[in-house]
């Protein structure tokens, strides 16, 4: 490989990475309507976790990392044991707070949708973005 090719192929590993959880579909108790209370319905979760700059170096040096498995487990446990949640906004805020409790997570985008509300829509819900302050 020539020096020019090596230079062209190099990357900036100090930039942030994006860890994704896509289309996690779980039954959960959610909704403000009386018809939604006391029953479970499908809820879809999408999460994008932006890591701090230099993340891969930090992982390499310290062994600490942002675990998508921990986030999935948090969502699964909340769906199973968290009781009734009225608004998708509450779900999104709880997930964002959990993710940002990891100091290696700089920003998170959380999308929570209810796919079975309108026949003509893939889902309705909310997308929020939160950043570590």
N, C-alpha and C. Protein backbone atom coordinates (compact mmCIF):
# COMPACT_ATOMS: atom_id res chain seq x y z
N UNK A 1 0.85 -1.18 0.00
CA UNK A 1 0.00 0.00 0.00
C UNK A 1 0.89 1.24 0.00
N UNK A 2 0.60 2.17 -0.87
CA UNK A 2 1.40 3.38 -0.94
C UNK A 2 1.06 4.32 0.21
N UNK A 3 1.92 5.29 0.44
CA UNK A 3 1.67 6.27 1.50
C UNK A 3 0.40 7.06 1.21
N UNK A 4 0.15 7.38 -0.07
CA UNK A 4 -1.07 8.12 -0.43
C UNK A 4 -2.32 7.31 -0.09
N UNK A 5 -2.28 6.01 -0.35
CA UNK A 5 -3.42 5.15 -0.06
C UNK A 5 -3.63 5.04 1.44
N UNK A 6 -2.54 4.92 2.20
CA UNK A 6 -2.64 4.84 3.66
C UNK A 6 -3.28 6.11 4.21
N UNK A 7 -2.86 7.26 3.71
CA UNK A 7 -3.40 8.53 4.17
C UNK A 7 -4.88 8.63 3.84
N UNK A 8 -5.26 8.25 2.65
CA UNK A 8 -6.66 8.34 2.23
C UNK A 8 -7.54 7.39 3.04
N UNK A 9 -6.98 6.27 3.50
CA UNK A 9 -7.76 5.28 4.22
C UNK A 9 -7.82 5.54 5.72
N UNK A 10 -7.06 6.49 6.23
CA UNK A 10 -7.06 6.73 7.67
C UNK A 10 -8.37 7.38 8.10
N UNK A 11 -8.73 7.18 9.35
CA UNK A 11 -9.97 7.74 9.86
C UNK A 11 -9.70 8.49 11.16
N UNK A 12 -10.63 9.33 11.52
CA UNK A 12 -10.55 10.07 12.77
C UNK A 12 -11.25 9.26 13.85
N UNK A 13 -10.50 8.50 14.62
CA UNK A 13 -11.09 7.66 15.65
C UNK A 13 -11.41 8.44 16.91
N UNK A 14 -11.13 9.75 16.92
CA UNK A 14 -11.46 10.55 18.10
C UNK A 14 -12.86 11.12 18.02
N UNK A 15 -13.52 10.98 16.87
CA UNK A 15 -14.88 11.47 16.75
C UNK A 15 -15.85 10.59 17.50
N UNK A 16 -17.06 11.06 17.70
CA UNK A 16 -18.04 10.25 18.42
C UNK A 16 -18.53 9.08 17.55
N UNK A 17 -18.96 8.03 18.21
CA UNK A 17 -19.62 6.91 17.56
C UNK A 17 -21.10 7.01 17.89
N UNK A 18 -21.91 6.33 17.10
CA UNK A 18 -23.34 6.28 17.35
C UNK A 18 -23.72 4.82 17.59
N UNK A 19 -24.21 4.52 18.77
CA UNK A 19 -24.68 3.19 19.12
C UNK A 19 -26.19 3.18 18.90
N UNK A 20 -26.70 2.16 18.21
CA UNK A 20 -28.12 2.17 17.85
C UNK A 20 -28.86 0.95 18.39
N UNK A 21 -30.09 1.20 18.75
CA UNK A 21 -31.07 0.16 19.06
C UNK A 21 -32.26 0.50 18.16
N UNK A 22 -32.62 -0.43 17.29
CA UNK A 22 -33.67 -0.15 16.32
C UNK A 22 -34.83 -1.12 16.46
N UNK A 23 -36.03 -0.55 16.45
CA UNK A 23 -37.26 -1.33 16.37
C UNK A 23 -37.42 -2.37 17.49
N UNK A 24 -37.06 -1.99 18.70
CA UNK A 24 -37.31 -2.87 19.84
C UNK A 24 -38.80 -2.80 20.14
N UNK A 25 -39.50 -3.90 19.95
CA UNK A 25 -40.96 -3.93 20.07
C UNK A 25 -41.33 -4.74 21.30
N UNK A 26 -42.03 -4.08 22.23
CA UNK A 26 -42.40 -4.72 23.50
C UNK A 26 -43.84 -4.40 23.87
N UNK A 27 -44.50 -5.30 24.59
CA UNK A 27 -45.81 -4.96 25.14
C UNK A 27 -45.62 -4.13 26.41
N UNK A 28 -46.40 -3.08 26.54
CA UNK A 28 -46.29 -2.22 27.71
C UNK A 28 -47.64 -1.59 28.01
N UNK A 29 -47.82 -1.21 29.26
CA UNK A 29 -49.03 -0.50 29.67
C UNK A 29 -48.77 0.98 29.44
N UNK A 30 -49.51 1.56 28.48
CA UNK A 30 -49.28 2.96 28.15
C UNK A 30 -50.56 3.57 27.59
N UNK A 31 -50.76 4.83 27.89
CA UNK A 31 -51.87 5.56 27.29
C UNK A 31 -52.69 6.33 28.30
N UNK A 32 -53.28 7.42 27.85
CA UNK A 32 -54.10 8.27 28.71
C UNK A 32 -55.58 7.92 28.63
N UNK A 33 -55.98 7.23 27.59
CA UNK A 33 -57.39 6.90 27.43
C UNK A 33 -57.80 5.77 28.37
N UNK A 34 -59.04 5.82 28.82
CA UNK A 34 -59.55 4.75 29.69
C UNK A 34 -59.43 3.39 29.00
N UNK A 35 -59.64 3.35 27.70
CA UNK A 35 -59.55 2.09 26.96
C UNK A 35 -58.13 1.51 26.92
N UNK A 36 -57.12 2.34 27.25
CA UNK A 36 -55.72 1.88 27.25
C UNK A 36 -55.25 1.44 28.63
N UNK A 37 -56.03 1.72 29.63
CA UNK A 37 -55.61 1.40 31.00
C UNK A 37 -55.93 -0.05 31.34
N UNK A 38 -55.01 -0.67 32.06
CA UNK A 38 -55.22 -2.04 32.49
C UNK A 38 -54.94 -3.08 31.42
N UNK A 39 -54.31 -2.68 30.34
CA UNK A 39 -53.96 -3.63 29.29
C UNK A 39 -52.62 -3.24 28.67
N UNK A 40 -52.01 -4.18 28.02
CA UNK A 40 -50.74 -3.92 27.34
C UNK A 40 -51.00 -3.70 25.86
N UNK A 41 -50.15 -2.88 25.27
CA UNK A 41 -50.18 -2.69 23.82
C UNK A 41 -48.75 -2.59 23.32
N UNK A 42 -48.57 -2.79 22.03
CA UNK A 42 -47.23 -2.75 21.45
C UNK A 42 -46.66 -1.35 21.49
N UNK A 43 -45.38 -1.27 21.87
CA UNK A 43 -44.66 -0.01 21.87
C UNK A 43 -43.30 -0.28 21.22
N UNK A 44 -42.90 0.60 20.30
CA UNK A 44 -41.62 0.44 19.59
C UNK A 44 -40.64 1.50 20.10
N UNK A 45 -39.41 1.05 20.31
CA UNK A 45 -38.36 1.93 20.85
C UNK A 45 -37.18 1.95 19.88
N UNK A 46 -36.71 3.15 19.57
CA UNK A 46 -35.50 3.36 18.79
C UNK A 46 -34.62 4.32 19.57
N UNK A 47 -33.35 3.95 19.73
CA UNK A 47 -32.44 4.76 20.53
C UNK A 47 -31.13 4.92 19.77
N UNK A 48 -30.64 6.15 19.69
CA UNK A 48 -29.32 6.44 19.14
C UNK A 48 -28.50 7.12 20.24
N UNK A 49 -27.39 6.50 20.57
CA UNK A 49 -26.54 7.02 21.65
C UNK A 49 -25.24 7.52 21.03
N UNK A 50 -25.01 8.82 21.12
CA UNK A 50 -23.75 9.41 20.63
C UNK A 50 -22.74 9.38 21.78
N UNK A 51 -21.60 8.81 21.50
CA UNK A 51 -20.56 8.71 22.53
C UNK A 51 -19.73 9.99 22.60
N UNK A 52 -18.97 10.11 23.66
CA UNK A 52 -18.07 11.25 23.82
C UNK A 52 -16.93 11.14 22.80
N UNK A 53 -16.33 12.27 22.43
CA UNK A 53 -15.15 12.20 21.55
C UNK A 53 -14.05 11.35 22.19
N UNK A 54 -13.35 10.60 21.36
CA UNK A 54 -12.28 9.74 21.86
C UNK A 54 -12.78 8.45 22.48
N UNK A 55 -14.03 8.12 22.21
CA UNK A 55 -14.67 6.97 22.84
C UNK A 55 -13.89 5.67 22.66
N UNK A 56 -13.49 5.38 21.44
CA UNK A 56 -12.79 4.10 21.21
C UNK A 56 -11.47 4.04 21.96
N UNK A 57 -10.79 5.15 22.06
CA UNK A 57 -9.55 5.20 22.84
C UNK A 57 -9.84 4.94 24.32
N UNK A 58 -10.90 5.56 24.83
CA UNK A 58 -11.28 5.38 26.23
C UNK A 58 -11.63 3.91 26.50
N UNK A 59 -12.39 3.31 25.60
CA UNK A 59 -12.75 1.90 25.75
C UNK A 59 -11.50 1.04 25.77
N UNK A 60 -10.59 1.32 24.84
CA UNK A 60 -9.35 0.55 24.73
C UNK A 60 -8.50 0.67 26.00
N UNK A 61 -8.43 1.87 26.53
CA UNK A 61 -7.57 2.11 27.70
C UNK A 61 -8.21 1.70 29.02
N UNK A 62 -9.53 1.84 29.15
CA UNK A 62 -10.17 1.62 30.45
C UNK A 62 -11.06 0.38 30.51
N UNK A 63 -11.51 -0.08 29.36
CA UNK A 63 -12.43 -1.22 29.36
C UNK A 63 -13.87 -0.84 29.65
N UNK A 64 -14.14 0.43 29.92
CA UNK A 64 -15.52 0.87 30.13
C UNK A 64 -16.13 1.25 28.79
N UNK A 65 -17.44 1.12 28.69
CA UNK A 65 -18.10 1.37 27.41
C UNK A 65 -19.57 1.67 27.64
N UNK A 66 -20.25 2.07 26.57
CA UNK A 66 -21.69 2.26 26.58
C UNK A 66 -22.30 0.94 26.11
N UNK A 67 -23.14 0.36 26.92
CA UNK A 67 -23.72 -0.95 26.61
C UNK A 67 -25.13 -0.81 26.05
N UNK A 68 -25.31 -1.20 24.79
CA UNK A 68 -26.67 -1.22 24.27
C UNK A 68 -27.50 -2.26 25.01
N UNK A 69 -26.84 -3.33 25.48
CA UNK A 69 -27.55 -4.38 26.22
C UNK A 69 -28.15 -3.82 27.51
N UNK A 70 -27.42 -2.95 28.22
CA UNK A 70 -27.95 -2.34 29.44
C UNK A 70 -29.19 -1.49 29.14
N UNK A 71 -29.15 -0.77 28.03
CA UNK A 71 -30.29 0.07 27.65
C UNK A 71 -31.48 -0.79 27.28
N UNK A 72 -31.27 -1.85 26.52
CA UNK A 72 -32.37 -2.76 26.17
C UNK A 72 -32.96 -3.37 27.43
N UNK A 73 -32.11 -3.81 28.34
CA UNK A 73 -32.59 -4.40 29.60
C UNK A 73 -33.40 -3.39 30.41
N UNK A 74 -32.93 -2.14 30.47
CA UNK A 74 -33.68 -1.10 31.17
C UNK A 74 -35.09 -0.96 30.58
N UNK A 75 -35.18 -0.89 29.26
CA UNK A 75 -36.48 -0.74 28.59
C UNK A 75 -37.35 -1.97 28.84
N UNK A 76 -36.78 -3.16 28.72
CA UNK A 76 -37.54 -4.39 28.95
C UNK A 76 -38.07 -4.46 30.38
N UNK A 77 -37.23 -4.12 31.35
CA UNK A 77 -37.66 -4.16 32.75
C UNK A 77 -38.75 -3.14 33.04
N UNK A 78 -38.59 -1.94 32.48
CA UNK A 78 -39.61 -0.91 32.68
C UNK A 78 -40.93 -1.34 32.05
N UNK A 79 -40.87 -1.96 30.88
CA UNK A 79 -42.09 -2.44 30.23
C UNK A 79 -42.75 -3.54 31.04
N UNK A 80 -41.94 -4.39 31.64
CA UNK A 80 -42.46 -5.53 32.40
C UNK A 80 -42.95 -5.12 33.79
N UNK A 81 -42.16 -4.31 34.50
CA UNK A 81 -42.41 -4.03 35.91
C UNK A 81 -42.75 -2.58 36.24
N UNK A 82 -42.74 -1.71 35.25
CA UNK A 82 -42.86 -0.28 35.52
C UNK A 82 -44.26 0.24 35.72
N UNK A 83 -45.25 -0.62 35.57
CA UNK A 83 -46.62 -0.16 35.73
C UNK A 83 -47.08 0.66 34.54
N UNK A 84 -48.23 1.27 34.70
CA UNK A 84 -48.82 2.05 33.61
C UNK A 84 -48.12 3.40 33.45
N UNK A 85 -47.77 3.73 32.22
CA UNK A 85 -47.20 5.03 31.87
C UNK A 85 -48.21 5.72 30.97
N UNK A 86 -48.54 6.94 31.27
CA UNK A 86 -49.58 7.61 30.49
C UNK A 86 -49.09 8.10 29.13
N UNK A 87 -47.91 8.69 29.08
CA UNK A 87 -47.47 9.35 27.85
C UNK A 87 -46.18 8.76 27.30
N UNK A 88 -46.08 8.71 25.97
CA UNK A 88 -44.83 8.26 25.35
C UNK A 88 -43.69 9.20 25.74
N UNK A 89 -44.01 10.46 26.03
CA UNK A 89 -42.99 11.41 26.46
C UNK A 89 -42.31 10.96 27.75
N UNK A 90 -43.08 10.40 28.68
CA UNK A 90 -42.52 9.90 29.94
C UNK A 90 -41.53 8.76 29.67
N UNK A 91 -41.91 7.87 28.77
CA UNK A 91 -41.02 6.76 28.40
C UNK A 91 -39.72 7.31 27.83
N UNK A 92 -39.83 8.22 26.89
CA UNK A 92 -38.64 8.77 26.21
C UNK A 92 -37.71 9.46 27.20
N UNK A 93 -38.27 10.25 28.11
CA UNK A 93 -37.45 10.95 29.10
C UNK A 93 -36.75 9.96 30.04
N UNK A 94 -37.44 8.91 30.45
CA UNK A 94 -36.83 7.91 31.34
C UNK A 94 -35.66 7.21 30.64
N UNK A 95 -35.83 6.86 29.39
CA UNK A 95 -34.75 6.20 28.64
C UNK A 95 -33.57 7.16 28.46
N UNK A 96 -33.85 8.40 28.10
CA UNK A 96 -32.78 9.39 27.92
C UNK A 96 -31.99 9.58 29.21
N UNK A 97 -32.68 9.69 30.33
CA UNK A 97 -31.99 9.86 31.61
C UNK A 97 -31.12 8.64 31.93
N UNK A 98 -31.63 7.45 31.66
CA UNK A 98 -30.85 6.24 31.91
C UNK A 98 -29.57 6.24 31.06
N UNK A 99 -29.73 6.51 29.78
CA UNK A 99 -28.57 6.50 28.87
C UNK A 99 -27.54 7.53 29.31
N UNK A 100 -27.99 8.74 29.62
CA UNK A 100 -27.05 9.82 29.95
C UNK A 100 -26.45 9.67 31.35
N UNK A 101 -26.89 8.68 32.11
CA UNK A 101 -26.24 8.41 33.38
C UNK A 101 -24.86 7.77 33.16
N UNK A 102 -24.62 7.28 31.95
CA UNK A 102 -23.29 6.76 31.60
C UNK A 102 -22.44 7.94 31.14
N UNK A 103 -21.31 8.22 31.78
CA UNK A 103 -20.50 9.39 31.42
C UNK A 103 -19.89 9.32 30.01
N UNK A 104 -19.94 8.16 29.37
CA UNK A 104 -19.41 8.05 28.01
C UNK A 104 -20.46 8.35 26.95
N UNK A 105 -21.69 8.58 27.37
CA UNK A 105 -22.77 8.97 26.46
C UNK A 105 -22.91 10.49 26.49
N UNK A 106 -22.73 11.12 25.33
CA UNK A 106 -22.79 12.58 25.26
C UNK A 106 -24.17 13.09 24.88
N UNK A 107 -24.87 12.31 24.06
CA UNK A 107 -26.16 12.74 23.52
C UNK A 107 -26.98 11.50 23.22
N UNK A 108 -28.29 11.63 23.30
CA UNK A 108 -29.16 10.50 22.97
C UNK A 108 -30.40 11.00 22.24
N UNK A 109 -30.81 10.23 21.27
CA UNK A 109 -32.08 10.47 20.59
C UNK A 109 -32.94 9.24 20.86
N UNK A 110 -34.13 9.48 21.38
CA UNK A 110 -35.04 8.39 21.73
C UNK A 110 -36.35 8.60 20.98
N UNK A 111 -36.79 7.55 20.33
CA UNK A 111 -38.08 7.58 19.63
C UNK A 111 -38.95 6.48 20.22
N UNK A 112 -40.14 6.85 20.67
CA UNK A 112 -41.09 5.90 21.23
C UNK A 112 -42.38 6.03 20.42
N UNK A 113 -42.80 4.91 19.84
CA UNK A 113 -44.01 4.95 19.02
C UNK A 113 -44.96 3.82 19.38
N UNK A 114 -46.22 4.10 19.18
CA UNK A 114 -47.27 3.10 19.33
C UNK A 114 -47.73 2.74 17.91
N UNK A 115 -47.41 1.52 17.46
CA UNK A 115 -47.65 1.16 16.06
C UNK A 115 -49.09 0.78 15.72
N UNK A 116 -49.92 0.55 16.70
CA UNK A 116 -51.26 0.02 16.41
C UNK A 116 -52.39 1.03 16.57
N UNK A 117 -52.06 2.31 16.63
CA UNK A 117 -53.10 3.32 16.89
C UNK A 117 -53.90 3.66 15.63
N UNK A 118 -53.21 3.93 14.54
CA UNK A 118 -53.88 4.28 13.28
C UNK A 118 -53.49 3.29 12.20
N UNK A 119 -54.47 2.75 11.54
CA UNK A 119 -54.23 1.77 10.48
C UNK A 119 -53.39 2.35 9.35
N UNK A 120 -53.53 3.63 9.08
CA UNK A 120 -52.84 4.26 7.96
C UNK A 120 -51.44 4.77 8.31
N UNK A 121 -51.01 4.58 9.56
CA UNK A 121 -49.68 5.06 9.98
C UNK A 121 -48.88 3.90 10.56
N UNK A 122 -47.57 3.91 10.29
CA UNK A 122 -46.69 2.89 10.87
C UNK A 122 -46.59 3.04 12.38
N UNK A 123 -46.84 4.24 12.88
CA UNK A 123 -46.79 4.47 14.31
C UNK A 123 -46.96 5.94 14.62
N UNK A 124 -47.33 6.22 15.86
CA UNK A 124 -47.43 7.59 16.35
C UNK A 124 -46.69 7.65 17.68
N UNK A 125 -46.07 8.79 17.94
CA UNK A 125 -45.32 8.89 19.19
C UNK A 125 -44.50 10.14 19.26
N UNK A 126 -43.28 9.99 19.76
CA UNK A 126 -42.41 11.14 19.97
C UNK A 126 -40.96 10.77 19.73
N UNK A 127 -40.19 11.74 19.33
CA UNK A 127 -38.72 11.63 19.24
C UNK A 127 -38.13 12.81 20.00
N UNK A 128 -37.26 12.50 20.95
CA UNK A 128 -36.60 13.56 21.71
C UNK A 128 -35.08 13.42 21.56
N UNK A 129 -34.40 14.52 21.71
CA UNK A 129 -32.93 14.53 21.74
C UNK A 129 -32.51 15.23 23.02
N UNK A 130 -31.61 14.58 23.75
CA UNK A 130 -31.10 15.15 24.99
C UNK A 130 -29.58 15.06 24.98
N UNK A 131 -28.93 16.05 25.56
CA UNK A 131 -27.46 16.12 25.62
C UNK A 131 -27.03 16.23 27.07
N UNK A 132 -25.89 15.64 27.36
CA UNK A 132 -25.30 15.76 28.69
C UNK A 132 -25.01 17.24 28.95
N UNK A 133 -25.36 17.73 30.13
CA UNK A 133 -25.11 19.14 30.44
C UNK A 133 -23.89 19.29 31.32
